[in-house]
Amino acid sequence: QVRLVQSGGGLVQPGGSLTLSCAASGFNMDSYAVAWYRQAPGKEREGVAGVSGRDGRATYFADSVKGRFTISRVNAKKTVYLGLSFVKPEDAGVYYCGAGVVGSPSHLCTVPGSVAGWGQGTQVTVSS
């Protein structure tokens, strides 16, 4: 069973930075690609970043976050990180991580049905 535990999130000022974490619980996430989705109020869940399994060399970023967000994985810690920088008000929402073994990071970010399991979600609020 794919179980993910998220941490991080909270309040960040516009232009600020924040790091979100997604840790595997009870399963080996090494071979799983991981995606980060976000959902703003009244909007559909959007895939914003993804990383391939194992070495994490392949990544995907939505145009809305490209150049501002980073994604990385530390398999020894069973954790994937999403770094948010130069945060904008439109980055606010609930962020979810999801893991899957089917497809590339871009596939995982654009086909929510390919996600095998989700984290519990974490709120990111952007405000000065």
C-alpha atoms as a PDB file:
ATOM      1  CA  GLN A   1       0.000   0.000   0.000  1.00  0.00           C
ATOM      2  CA  VAL A   2       1.341   3.415  -0.995  1.00  0.00           C
ATOM      3  CA  ARG A   3       1.204   5.708   2.001  1.00  0.00           C
ATOM      4  CA  LEU A   4       2.783   9.151   1.955  1.00  0.00           C
ATOM      5  CA  VAL A   5       3.210  11.549   4.843  1.00  0.00           C
ATOM      6  CA  GLN A   6       3.622  15.240   4.098  1.00  0.00           C
ATOM      7  CA  SER A   7       5.205  17.969   6.169  1.00  0.00           C
ATOM      8  CA  GLY A   8       6.089  21.595   5.679  1.00  0.00           C
ATOM      9  CA  GLY A   9       3.755  24.198   4.370  1.00  0.00           C
ATOM     10  CA  GLY A  10       2.318  27.164   6.189  1.00  0.00           C
ATOM     11  CA  LEU A  11       2.455  30.890   5.676  1.00  0.00           C
ATOM     12  CA  VAL A  12       4.917  32.452   3.261  1.00  0.00           C
ATOM     13  CA  GLN A  13       5.275  36.030   2.086  1.00  0.00           C
ATOM     14  CA  PRO A  14       5.151  36.876  -1.605  1.00  0.00           C
ATOM     15  CA  GLY A  15       8.644  36.457  -2.964  1.00  0.00           C
ATOM     16  CA  GLY A  16       9.573  34.127  -0.143  1.00  0.00           C
ATOM     17  CA  SER A  17      10.591  30.481  -0.037  1.00  0.00           C
ATOM     18  CA  LEU A  18       9.230  27.308   1.453  1.00  0.00           C
ATOM     19  CA  THR A  19      10.035  23.605   1.355  1.00  0.00           C
ATOM     20  CA  LEU A  20       7.503  20.794   1.387  1.00  0.00           C
ATOM     21  CA  SER A  21       8.394  17.194   2.214  1.00  0.00           C
ATOM     22  CA  CYS A  22       6.784  13.928   1.184  1.00  0.00           C
ATOM     23  CA  ALA A  23       7.945  10.799   2.979  1.00  0.00           C
ATOM     24  CA  ALA A  24       7.136   7.189   2.236  1.00  0.00           C
ATOM     25  CA  SER A  25       5.594   5.183   5.036  1.00  0.00           C
ATOM     26  CA  GLY A  26       5.659   1.407   4.985  1.00  0.00           C
ATOM     27  CA  PHE A  27       6.800   0.876   1.427  1.00  0.00           C
ATOM     28  CA  ASN A  28       9.914   1.311  -0.699  1.00  0.00           C
ATOM     29  CA  MET A  29       9.459   4.476  -2.737  1.00  0.00           C
ATOM     30  CA  ASP A  30      12.810   4.239  -4.550  1.00  0.00           C
ATOM     31  CA  SER A  31      11.344   3.038  -7.845  1.00  0.00           C
ATOM     32  CA  TYR A  32       8.290   5.287  -7.720  1.00  0.00           C
ATOM     33  CA  ALA A  33       7.985   8.552  -9.586  1.00  0.00           C
ATOM     34  CA  VAL A  34       6.561  11.278  -7.376  1.00  0.00           C
ATOM     35  CA  ALA A  35       4.424  14.234  -8.349  1.00  0.00           C
ATOM     36  CA  TRP A  36       3.284  17.302  -6.505  1.00  0.00           C
ATOM     37  CA  TYR A  37      -0.192  18.627  -7.182  1.00  0.00           C
ATOM     38  CA  ARG A  38      -1.855  21.695  -5.812  1.00  0.00           C
ATOM     39  CA  GLN A  39      -5.461  22.703  -5.505  1.00  0.00           C
ATOM     40  CA  ALA A  40      -6.606  26.270  -5.057  1.00  0.00           C
ATOM     41  CA  PRO A  41     -10.126  27.057  -3.855  1.00  0.00           C
ATOM     42  CA  GLY A  42     -12.619  26.585  -6.658  1.00  0.00           C
ATOM     43  CA  LYS A  43     -10.013  25.154  -9.014  1.00  0.00           C
ATOM     44  CA  GLU A  44      -9.098  21.689 -10.164  1.00  0.00           C
ATOM     45  CA  ARG A  45      -6.080  19.888  -8.800  1.00  0.00           C
ATOM     46  CA  GLU A  46      -3.043  20.809 -10.923  1.00  0.00           C
ATOM     47  CA  GLY A  47       0.182  18.860 -11.277  1.00  0.00           C
ATOM     48  CA  VAL A  48       3.053  21.299 -10.741  1.00  0.00           C
ATOM     49  CA  ALA A  49       6.224  19.186 -10.440  1.00  0.00           C
ATOM     50  CA  GLY A  50       7.363  15.596 -10.753  1.00  0.00           C
ATOM     51  CA  VAL A  51      10.522  13.537 -10.379  1.00  0.00           C
ATOM     52  CA  SER A  52      11.388  10.131 -11.769  1.00  0.00           C
ATOM     53  CA  GLY A  53      12.021   7.092  -9.663  1.00  0.00           C
ATOM     54  CA  ARG A  54      15.434   5.772  -8.595  1.00  0.00           C
ATOM     55  CA  ASP A  55      18.015   8.420  -9.564  1.00  0.00           C
ATOM     56  CA  GLY A  56      15.505  11.219  -9.955  1.00  0.00           C
ATOM     57  CA  ARG A  57      17.240  12.542 -13.028  1.00  0.00           C
ATOM     58  CA  ALA A  58      14.065  13.254 -14.976  1.00  0.00           C
ATOM     59  CA  THR A  59      11.904  16.093 -13.750  1.00  0.00           C
ATOM     60  CA  TYR A  60       8.809  17.934 -14.896  1.00  0.00           C
ATOM     61  CA  PHE A  61       7.557  21.393 -14.024  1.00  0.00           C
ATOM     62  CA  ALA A  62       4.362  23.084 -15.045  1.00  0.00           C
ATOM     63  CA  ASP A  63       4.890  26.341 -16.892  1.00  0.00           C
ATOM     64  CA  SER A  64       3.363  28.233 -13.982  1.00  0.00           C
ATOM     65  CA  VAL A  65       6.187  27.200 -11.637  1.00  0.00           C
ATOM     66  CA  LYS A  66       9.111  26.626 -13.992  1.00  0.00           C
ATOM     67  CA  GLY A  67      12.236  28.428 -12.816  1.00  0.00           C
ATOM     68  CA  ARG A  68      10.774  28.994  -9.329  1.00  0.00           C
ATOM     69  CA  PHE A  69      10.132  25.502  -7.940  1.00  0.00           C
ATOM     70  CA  THR A  70      12.594  22.674  -7.508  1.00  0.00           C
ATOM     71  CA  ILE A  71      12.029  19.004  -6.853  1.00  0.00           C
ATOM     72  CA  SER A  72      14.478  16.477  -5.486  1.00  0.00           C
ATOM     73  CA  ARG A  73      14.539  13.119  -3.780  1.00  0.00           C
ATOM     74  CA  VAL A  74      16.750  11.561  -1.128  1.00  0.00           C
ATOM     75  CA  ASN A  75      16.088   7.841  -1.294  1.00  0.00           C
ATOM     76  CA  ALA A  76      18.088   7.177   1.860  1.00  0.00           C
ATOM     77  CA  LYS A  77      15.511   9.308   3.688  1.00  0.00           C
ATOM     78  CA  LYS A  78      12.596   7.955   1.629  1.00  0.00           C
ATOM     79  CA  THR A  79      11.648  11.569   1.000  1.00  0.00           C
ATOM     80  CA  VAL A  80      10.883  13.846  -1.933  1.00  0.00           C
ATOM     81  CA  TYR A  81      11.151  17.601  -1.492  1.00  0.00           C
ATOM     82  CA  LEU A  82       9.399  20.439  -3.282  1.00  0.00           C
ATOM     83  CA  GLY A  83      11.157  23.781  -2.996  1.00  0.00           C
ATOM     84  CA  LEU A  84       9.082  26.860  -3.598  1.00  0.00           C
ATOM     85  CA  SER A  85      10.914  30.104  -4.343  1.00  0.00           C
ATOM     86  CA  PHE A  86       9.824  33.562  -5.481  1.00  0.00           C
ATOM     87  CA  VAL A  87       6.401  32.565  -4.292  1.00  0.00           C
ATOM     88  CA  LYS A  88       3.405  34.309  -5.846  1.00  0.00           C
ATOM     89  CA  PRO A  89      -0.117  34.722  -4.461  1.00  0.00           C
ATOM     90  CA  GLU A  90      -1.358  32.270  -7.084  1.00  0.00           C
ATOM     91  CA  ASP A  91       0.863  29.564  -5.578  1.00  0.00           C
ATOM     92  CA  ALA A  92      -1.459  29.353  -2.588  1.00  0.00           C
ATOM     93  CA  GLY A  93      -3.485  26.207  -2.103  1.00  0.00           C
ATOM     94  CA  VAL A  94      -3.372  22.709  -0.727  1.00  0.00           C
ATOM     95  CA  TYR A  95      -0.387  20.764  -1.982  1.00  0.00           C
ATOM     96  CA  TYR A  96      -0.539  16.989  -2.364  1.00  0.00           C
ATOM     97  CA  CYS A  97       2.212  14.566  -3.226  1.00  0.00           C
ATOM     98  CA  GLY A  98       1.475  11.373  -5.071  1.00  0.00           C
ATOM     99  CA  ALA A  99       3.543   8.373  -6.098  1.00  0.00           C
ATOM    100  CA  GLY A 100       3.193   6.009  -8.996  1.00  0.00           C
ATOM    101  CA  VAL A 101       5.177   3.449 -10.958  1.00  0.00           C
ATOM    102  CA  VAL A 102       3.523   3.994 -14.322  1.00  0.00           C
ATOM    103  CA  GLY A 103       4.849   6.612 -16.690  1.00  0.00           C
ATOM    104  CA  SER A 104       7.215   9.554 -16.616  1.00  0.00           C
ATOM    105  CA  PRO A 105       7.121  12.491 -14.197  1.00  0.00           C
ATOM    106  CA  SER A 106       5.164  14.492 -16.774  1.00  0.00           C
ATOM    107  CA  HIS A 107       2.680  11.649 -17.137  1.00  0.00           C
ATOM    108  CA  LEU A 108       2.238  11.414 -13.385  1.00  0.00           C
ATOM    109  CA  CYS A 109       1.632  15.176 -13.233  1.00  0.00           C
ATOM    110  CA  THR A 110      -0.917  15.258 -16.013  1.00  0.00           C
ATOM    111  CA  VAL A 111      -2.791  12.005 -15.453  1.00  0.00           C
ATOM    112  CA  PRO A 112      -3.967  11.942 -11.818  1.00  0.00           C
ATOM    113  CA  GLY A 113      -5.322   8.437 -12.361  1.00  0.00           C
ATOM    114  CA  SER A 114      -1.763   7.162 -12.656  1.00  0.00           C
ATOM    115  CA  VAL A 115      -1.054   8.077  -9.021  1.00  0.00           C
ATOM    116  CA  ALA A 116      -1.134   5.007  -6.811  1.00  0.00           C
ATOM    117  CA  GLY A 117      -1.355   6.839  -3.509  1.00  0.00           C
ATOM    118  CA  TRP A 118      -1.544  10.371  -2.131  1.00  0.00           C
ATOM    119  CA  GLY A 119      -0.271  12.276   0.840  1.00  0.00           C
ATOM    120  CA  GLN A 120      -2.687  13.950   3.232  1.00  0.00           C
ATOM    121  CA  GLY A 121      -2.177  17.432   1.780  1.00  0.00           C
ATOM    122  CA  THR A 122      -0.605  20.514   3.262  1.00  0.00           C
ATOM    123  CA  GLN A 123      -1.780  24.111   3.096  1.00  0.00           C
ATOM    124  CA  VAL A 124       0.384  26.854   1.611  1.00  0.00           C
ATOM    125  CA  THR A 125      -0.817  30.369   2.316  1.00  0.00           C
ATOM    126  CA  VAL A 126       0.775  33.326   0.566  1.00  0.00           C
ATOM    127  CA  SER A 127       0.310  36.606   2.356  1.00  0.00           C
ATOM    128  CA  SER A 128       2.273  39.623   3.504  1.00  0.00           C
END
